[in-house]
C-alpha atoms as a PDB file:
ATOM      1  CA  MET A   1      80.161 -13.514-103.142  1.00  0.00           C
ATOM      2  CA  ALA A   2      81.112 -13.431 -99.510  1.00  0.00           C
ATOM      3  CA  SER A   3      83.451 -16.074 -98.281  1.00  0.00           C
ATOM      4  CA  ARG A   4      82.003 -18.516 -95.874  1.00  0.00           C
ATOM      5  CA  VAL A   5      83.871 -19.543 -92.734  1.00  0.00           C
ATOM      6  CA  ASN A   6      84.252 -23.237 -92.289  1.00  0.00           C
ATOM      7  CA  HIS A   7      83.558 -23.841 -88.588  1.00  0.00           C
ATOM      8  CA  ALA A   8      84.684 -27.438 -88.817  1.00  0.00           C
ATOM      9  CA  SER A   9      88.284 -26.256 -89.111  1.00  0.00           C
ATOM     10  CA  TYR A  10      88.048 -24.590 -85.652  1.00  0.00           C
ATOM     11  CA  VAL A  11      86.976 -27.694 -83.688  1.00  0.00           C
ATOM     12  CA  TRP A  12      90.413 -27.924 -82.099  1.00  0.00           C
ATOM     13  CA  LEU A  13      89.909 -24.406 -80.657  1.00  0.00           C
ATOM     14  CA  PHE A  14      86.654 -25.349 -78.959  1.00  0.00           C
ATOM     15  CA  ALA A  15      88.269 -28.491 -77.498  1.00  0.00           C
ATOM     16  CA  PHE A  16      91.236 -26.428 -76.223  1.00  0.00           C
ATOM     17  CA  VAL A  17      88.967 -23.862 -74.536  1.00  0.00           C
ATOM     18  CA  ASP A  18      86.933 -26.701 -73.013  1.00  0.00           C
ATOM     19  CA  VAL A  19      90.071 -28.316 -71.519  1.00  0.00           C
ATOM     20  CA  LEU A  20      91.212 -24.937 -70.144  1.00  0.00           C
ATOM     21  CA  LEU A  21      87.848 -24.398 -68.456  1.00  0.00           C
ATOM     22  CA  VAL A  22      87.952 -27.872 -66.871  1.00  0.00           C
ATOM     23  CA  LEU A  23      91.516 -27.294 -65.579  1.00  0.00           C
ATOM     24  CA  THR A  24      90.505 -23.904 -64.186  1.00  0.00           C
ATOM     25  CA  PHE A  25      87.563 -25.490 -62.375  1.00  0.00           C
ATOM     26  CA  VAL A  26      89.791 -28.249 -60.898  1.00  0.00           C
ATOM     27  CA  LEU A  27      92.376 -25.681 -59.729  1.00  0.00           C
ATOM     28  CA  ALA A  28      89.657 -23.560 -58.131  1.00  0.00           C
ATOM     29  CA  ALA A  29      88.230 -26.630 -56.370  1.00  0.00           C
ATOM     30  CA  PHE A  30      91.658 -27.603 -54.955  1.00  0.00           C
ATOM     31  CA  THR A  31      92.244 -24.028 -53.795  1.00  0.00           C
ATOM     32  CA  PHE A  32      88.811 -23.921 -52.144  1.00  0.00           C
ATOM     33  CA  LEU A  33      89.543 -27.196 -50.315  1.00  0.00           C
ATOM     34  CA  ALA A  34      93.113 -26.279 -49.327  1.00  0.00           C
ATOM     35  CA  LEU A  35      92.496 -22.778 -47.928  1.00  0.00           C
ATOM     36  CA  PRO A  36      90.877 -23.916 -44.640  1.00  0.00           C
ATOM     37  CA  GLN A  37      93.852 -26.218 -44.012  1.00  0.00           C
ATOM     38  CA  ILE A  38      96.458 -23.448 -44.246  1.00  0.00           C
ATOM     39  CA  ASN A  39      95.337 -21.680 -41.067  1.00  0.00           C
ATOM     40  CA  PRO A  40      93.179 -24.072 -39.037  1.00  0.00           C
ATOM     41  CA  PRO A  41      90.935 -22.574 -36.380  1.00  0.00           C
ATOM     42  CA  ALA A  42      92.544 -22.098 -32.955  1.00  0.00           C
ATOM     43  CA  LYS A  43      91.913 -24.749 -30.339  1.00  0.00           C
ATOM     44  CA  ASP A  44      90.254 -23.925 -27.058  1.00  0.00           C
ATOM     45  CA  ALA A  45      92.628 -22.726 -24.332  1.00  0.00           C
ATOM     46  CA  ASP A  46      91.460 -25.583 -22.112  1.00  0.00           C
ATOM     47  CA  SER A  47      92.623 -28.206 -24.591  1.00  0.00           C
ATOM     48  CA  ALA A  48      96.279 -27.061 -24.454  1.00  0.00           C
ATOM     49  CA  LYS A  49      97.814 -28.680 -21.389  1.00  0.00           C
ATOM     50  CA  PRO A  50     101.129 -27.506 -19.960  1.00  0.00           C
ATOM     51  CA  PRO A  51     103.956 -30.070 -19.963  1.00  0.00           C
ATOM     52  CA  GLY A  52     103.981 -30.162 -16.162  1.00  0.00           C
ATOM     53  CA  GLN A  53     102.199 -29.164 -12.999  1.00  0.00           C
ATOM     54  CA  MET A  54     104.720 -26.455 -12.106  1.00  0.00           C
ATOM     55  CA  MET A  55     106.593 -24.129 -14.472  1.00  0.00           C
ATOM     56  CA  VAL A  56     109.711 -22.119 -13.637  1.00  0.00           C
ATOM     57  CA  CYS A  57     111.096 -19.721 -16.270  1.00  0.00           C
ATOM     58  CA  ALA A  58     114.001 -17.265 -16.269  1.00  0.00           C
ATOM     59  CA  SER A  59     114.321 -14.582 -18.944  1.00  0.00           C
ATOM     60  CA  TRP A  60     116.990 -11.976 -19.666  1.00  0.00           C
ATOM     61  CA  ALA A  61     118.298  -9.798 -22.466  1.00  0.00           C
ATOM     62  CA  GLY A  62     121.847  -9.551 -23.696  1.00  0.00           C
ATOM     63  CA  HIS A  63     124.828 -11.670 -24.575  1.00  0.00           C
ATOM     64  CA  ASP A  64     124.885 -13.604 -21.278  1.00  0.00           C
ATOM     65  CA  ASP A  65     124.581 -17.288 -20.370  1.00  0.00           C
ATOM     66  CA  ILE A  66     122.376 -17.619 -17.299  1.00  0.00           C
ATOM     67  CA  ASP A  67     121.456 -21.052 -15.975  1.00  0.00           C
ATOM     68  CA  LEU A  68     118.266 -21.951 -14.143  1.00  0.00           C
ATOM     69  CA  TRP A  69     118.605 -24.596 -11.437  1.00  0.00           C
ATOM     70  CA  PHE A  70     115.556 -26.216  -9.895  1.00  0.00           C
ATOM     71  CA  ARG A  71     115.281 -28.870  -7.190  1.00  0.00           C
ATOM     72  CA  PRO A  72     111.834 -30.224  -6.392  1.00  0.00           C
ATOM     73  CA  ALA A  73     111.221 -32.104  -3.159  1.00  0.00           C
ATOM     74  CA  GLY A  74     112.296 -35.711  -3.333  1.00  0.00           C
ATOM     75  CA  GLN A  75     114.734 -35.113  -6.190  1.00  0.00           C
ATOM     76  CA  GLU A  76     118.284 -35.731  -4.983  1.00  0.00           C
ATOM     77  CA  LYS A  77     120.128 -33.808  -7.696  1.00  0.00           C
ATOM     78  CA  ALA A  78     118.953 -30.413  -8.995  1.00  0.00           C
ATOM     79  CA  THR A  79     117.903 -30.048 -12.628  1.00  0.00           C
ATOM     80  CA  GLY A  80     120.080 -27.756 -14.749  1.00  0.00           C
ATOM     81  CA  TYR A  81     122.333 -27.748 -17.811  1.00  0.00           C
ATOM     82  CA  SER A  82     124.332 -30.809 -16.677  1.00  0.00           C
ATOM     83  CA  ASN A  83     121.267 -32.740 -15.452  1.00  0.00           C
ATOM     84  CA  LYS A  84     118.394 -31.978 -17.816  1.00  0.00           C
ATOM     85  CA  ASN A  85     116.071 -34.681 -16.440  1.00  0.00           C
ATOM     86  CA  GLY A  86     115.954 -35.151 -12.698  1.00  0.00           C
ATOM     87  CA  GLY A  87     112.920 -37.416 -12.452  1.00  0.00           C
ATOM     88  CA  VAL A  88     110.428 -34.800 -11.226  1.00  0.00           C
ATOM     89  CA  ALA A  89     111.697 -31.731 -13.104  1.00  0.00           C
ATOM     90  CA  ASP A  90     112.899 -31.386 -16.697  1.00  0.00           C
ATOM     91  CA  LEU A  91     114.921 -28.577 -18.311  1.00  0.00           C
ATOM     92  CA  LEU A  92     113.415 -28.005 -21.758  1.00  0.00           C
ATOM     93  CA  LEU A  93     116.194 -25.856 -23.230  1.00  0.00           C
ATOM     94  CA  ASP A  94     119.585 -24.656 -22.043  1.00  0.00           C
ATOM     95  CA  ASP A  95     119.749 -21.163 -23.583  1.00  0.00           C
ATOM     96  CA  LEU A  96     123.451 -20.392 -24.078  1.00  0.00           C
ATOM     97  CA  GLY A  97     122.942 -16.656 -24.562  1.00  0.00           C
ATOM     98  CA  THR A  98     125.090 -16.596 -27.690  1.00  0.00           C
ATOM     99  CA  ASP A  99     123.085 -13.887 -29.491  1.00  0.00           C
ATOM    100  CA  ASP A 100     122.239 -10.401 -28.261  1.00  0.00           C
ATOM    101  CA  ILE A 101     118.491 -11.126 -28.084  1.00  0.00           C
ATOM    102  CA  PRO A 102     116.000 -11.943 -25.315  1.00  0.00           C
ATOM    103  CA  HIS A 103     116.651 -15.380 -23.793  1.00  0.00           C
ATOM    104  CA  VAL A 104     114.510 -17.854 -21.826  1.00  0.00           C
ATOM    105  CA  GLU A 105     115.121 -21.054 -19.890  1.00  0.00           C
ATOM    106  CA  CYS A 106     112.149 -23.050 -18.592  1.00  0.00           C
ATOM    107  CA  GLN A 107     111.753 -26.094 -16.401  1.00  0.00           C
ATOM    108  CA  PHE A 108     108.626 -28.079 -15.649  1.00  0.00           C
ATOM    109  CA  ALA A 109     107.806 -30.364 -12.733  1.00  0.00           C
ATOM    110  CA  SER A 110     105.694 -33.371 -13.693  1.00  0.00           C
ATOM    111  CA  SER A 111     104.389 -33.945 -10.148  1.00  0.00           C
ATOM    112  CA  LEU A 112     104.132 -32.027  -6.876  1.00  0.00           C
ATOM    113  CA  PRO A 113     105.714 -34.105  -4.091  1.00  0.00           C
ATOM    114  CA  ASP A 114     105.575 -32.742  -0.533  1.00  0.00           C
ATOM    115  CA  GLY A 115     108.719 -31.130   0.877  1.00  0.00           C
ATOM    116  CA  MET A 116     111.173 -28.275   0.231  1.00  0.00           C
ATOM    117  CA  TRP A 117     111.572 -26.897  -3.291  1.00  0.00           C
ATOM    118  CA  ALA A 118     114.335 -24.519  -4.410  1.00  0.00           C
ATOM    119  CA  ILE A 119     114.964 -22.313  -7.455  1.00  0.00           C
ATOM    120  CA  ASN A 120     118.426 -20.865  -8.188  1.00  0.00           C
ATOM    121  CA  LEU A 121     120.101 -18.780 -10.876  1.00  0.00           C
ATOM    122  CA  HIS A 122     123.729 -19.093 -11.915  1.00  0.00           C
ATOM    123  CA  GLY A 123     125.699 -16.594 -14.001  1.00  0.00           C
ATOM    124  CA  TYR A 124     127.634 -19.032 -16.183  1.00  0.00           C
ATOM    125  CA  SER A 125     128.962 -16.337 -18.514  1.00  0.00           C
ATOM    126  CA  VAL A 126     128.192 -12.673 -17.830  1.00  0.00           C
ATOM    127  CA  PRO A 127     130.557 -10.379 -19.793  1.00  0.00           C
ATOM    128  CA  ASP A 128     129.079  -7.230 -18.231  1.00  0.00           C
ATOM    129  CA  ASP A 129     129.176  -6.322 -14.542  1.00  0.00           C
ATOM    130  CA  LYS A 130     125.738  -7.889 -13.981  1.00  0.00           C
ATOM    131  CA  VAL A 131     122.532  -8.856 -15.789  1.00  0.00           C
ATOM    132  CA  ALA A 132     118.907  -8.500 -14.661  1.00  0.00           C
ATOM    133  CA  VAL A 133     117.054 -11.835 -14.804  1.00  0.00           C
ATOM    134  CA  HIS A 134     113.278 -12.075 -14.520  1.00  0.00           C
ATOM    135  CA  VAL A 135     112.022 -15.271 -12.865  1.00  0.00           C
ATOM    136  CA  ILE A 136     108.439 -16.543 -12.906  1.00  0.00           C
ATOM    137  CA  ALA A 137     107.185 -19.715 -11.217  1.00  0.00           C
ATOM    138  CA  ARG A 138     103.604 -20.920 -11.656  1.00  0.00           C
ATOM    139  CA  MET A 139     101.660 -23.852 -10.329  1.00  0.00           C
ATOM    140  CA  GLY A 140      98.613 -23.951 -12.610  1.00  0.00           C
ATOM    141  CA  ALA A 141      97.009 -20.507 -12.420  1.00  0.00           C
ATOM    142  CA  VAL A 142      98.744 -19.678  -9.116  1.00  0.00           C
ATOM    143  CA  LYS A 143     101.795 -17.427  -9.490  1.00  0.00           C
ATOM    144  CA  LEU A 144     104.399 -18.505  -6.906  1.00  0.00           C
ATOM    145  CA  VAL A 145     107.246 -16.190  -7.927  1.00  0.00           C
ATOM    146  CA  ASP A 146     107.478 -13.081 -10.090  1.00  0.00           C
ATOM    147  CA  THR A 147     110.732 -11.266  -9.402  1.00  0.00           C
ATOM    148  CA  THR A 148     113.807  -9.764 -11.053  1.00  0.00           C
ATOM    149  CA  MET A 149     117.315 -10.411  -9.714  1.00  0.00           C
ATOM    150  CA  ASP A 150     120.779  -9.153 -10.683  1.00  0.00           C
ATOM    151  CA  ILE A 151     123.307 -11.920 -11.396  1.00  0.00           C
ATOM    152  CA  ARG A 152     127.069 -11.531 -11.785  1.00  0.00           C
ATOM    153  CA  ALA A 153     129.538 -13.848 -13.504  1.00  0.00           C
ATOM    154  CA  ARG A 154     129.968 -17.217 -11.740  1.00  0.00           C
ATOM    155  CA  GLN A 155     127.464 -16.182  -9.039  1.00  0.00           C
ATOM    156  CA  GLU A 156     124.793 -18.601  -7.819  1.00  0.00           C
ATOM    157  CA  ARG A 157     121.768 -17.099  -6.062  1.00  0.00           C
ATOM    158  CA  THR A 158     118.665 -18.646  -4.573  1.00  0.00           C
ATOM    159  CA  VAL A 159     115.527 -17.057  -5.973  1.00  0.00           C
ATOM    160  CA  VAL A 160     113.224 -18.795  -3.514  1.00  0.00           C
ATOM    161  CA  GLN A 161     112.786 -21.864  -1.347  1.00  0.00           C
ATOM    162  CA  PHE A 162     109.322 -23.003  -0.330  1.00  0.00           C
ATOM    163  CA  ARG A 163     107.582 -26.022   1.142  1.00  0.00           C
ATOM    164  CA  LEU A 164     104.727 -27.864  -0.573  1.00  0.00           C
ATOM    165  CA  ALA A 165     102.186 -30.017   1.252  1.00  0.00           C
ATOM    166  CA  GLY A 166      99.210 -31.579  -0.473  1.00  0.00           C
ATOM    167  CA  GLY A 167      99.969 -29.766  -3.724  1.00  0.00           C
ATOM    168  CA  ARG A 168      99.893 -26.331  -2.060  1.00  0.00           C
ATOM    169  CA  VAL A 169     102.515 -23.941  -0.763  1.00  0.00           C
ATOM    170  CA  VAL A 170     102.750 -24.039   3.022  1.00  0.00           C
ATOM    171  CA  PRO A 171     101.993 -20.509   4.312  1.00  0.00           C
ATOM    172  CA  ASP A 172     105.071 -18.529   5.449  1.00  0.00           C
ATOM    173  CA  SER A 173     107.451 -21.216   4.127  1.00  0.00           C
ATOM    174  CA  ALA A 174     108.890 -19.118   1.254  1.00  0.00           C
ATOM    175  CA  ASN A 175     112.323 -17.645   1.882  1.00  0.00           C
ATOM    176  CA  GLY A 176     115.410 -16.495  -0.006  1.00  0.00           C
ATOM    177  CA  VAL A 177     118.025 -18.287   2.125  1.00  0.00           C
ATOM    178  CA  PHE A 178     120.854 -19.486  -0.119  1.00  0.00           C
ATOM    179  CA  VAL A 179     121.047 -23.209  -0.810  1.00  0.00           C
ATOM    180  CA  PRO A 180     123.653 -24.427  -3.338  1.00  0.00           C
ATOM    181  CA  LEU A 181     122.088 -26.352  -6.203  1.00  0.00           C
ATOM    182  CA  ARG A 182     124.613 -26.172  -9.052  1.00  0.00           C
ATOM    183  CA  SER A 183     127.672 -26.743  -6.900  1.00  0.00           C
ATOM    184  CA  ALA A 184     125.918 -29.408  -4.792  1.00  0.00           C
ATOM    185  CA  GLY A 185     125.308 -31.546  -7.893  1.00  0.00           C
ATOM    186  CA  LYS A 186     128.992 -31.931  -8.761  1.00  0.00           C
END
């Protein structure tokens, strides 16, 4: 006579498989809900506002410490490493140039008062003979400056001076005449 299998002794197995299936379903549901949160869709470009109405950035490569100095109209003392918040302009980061990688310093102006504006570079620590520094200044979509200058150690150079009136650059007001910003603030 053939032996009969007693299915009642395997009830625990069916309960175990049932619990595993429920846990698998719950894990799949959490994964399905969490995946869209890992990489949310990009926001529209219009929704990302810049931190100011004017941006000035200097970038360079190498093991050099270049400082960006910026004096908006109506601001008595220029904004730079020793004066990070001048009222109109703010220095976001003083890049010390400690690593041999590309470096950037940026400043933003929160308003656009009428008068003379000036942008300078200073070679705080330049171990080589000179370093090429790329400077960009933008006011919204308008590019005011896009130039590259060589800076030597302890040298301060004016990138540009210009006059604003009514939130616009006065025609023929831009010049490269030197005006001390770093040394004038001491």
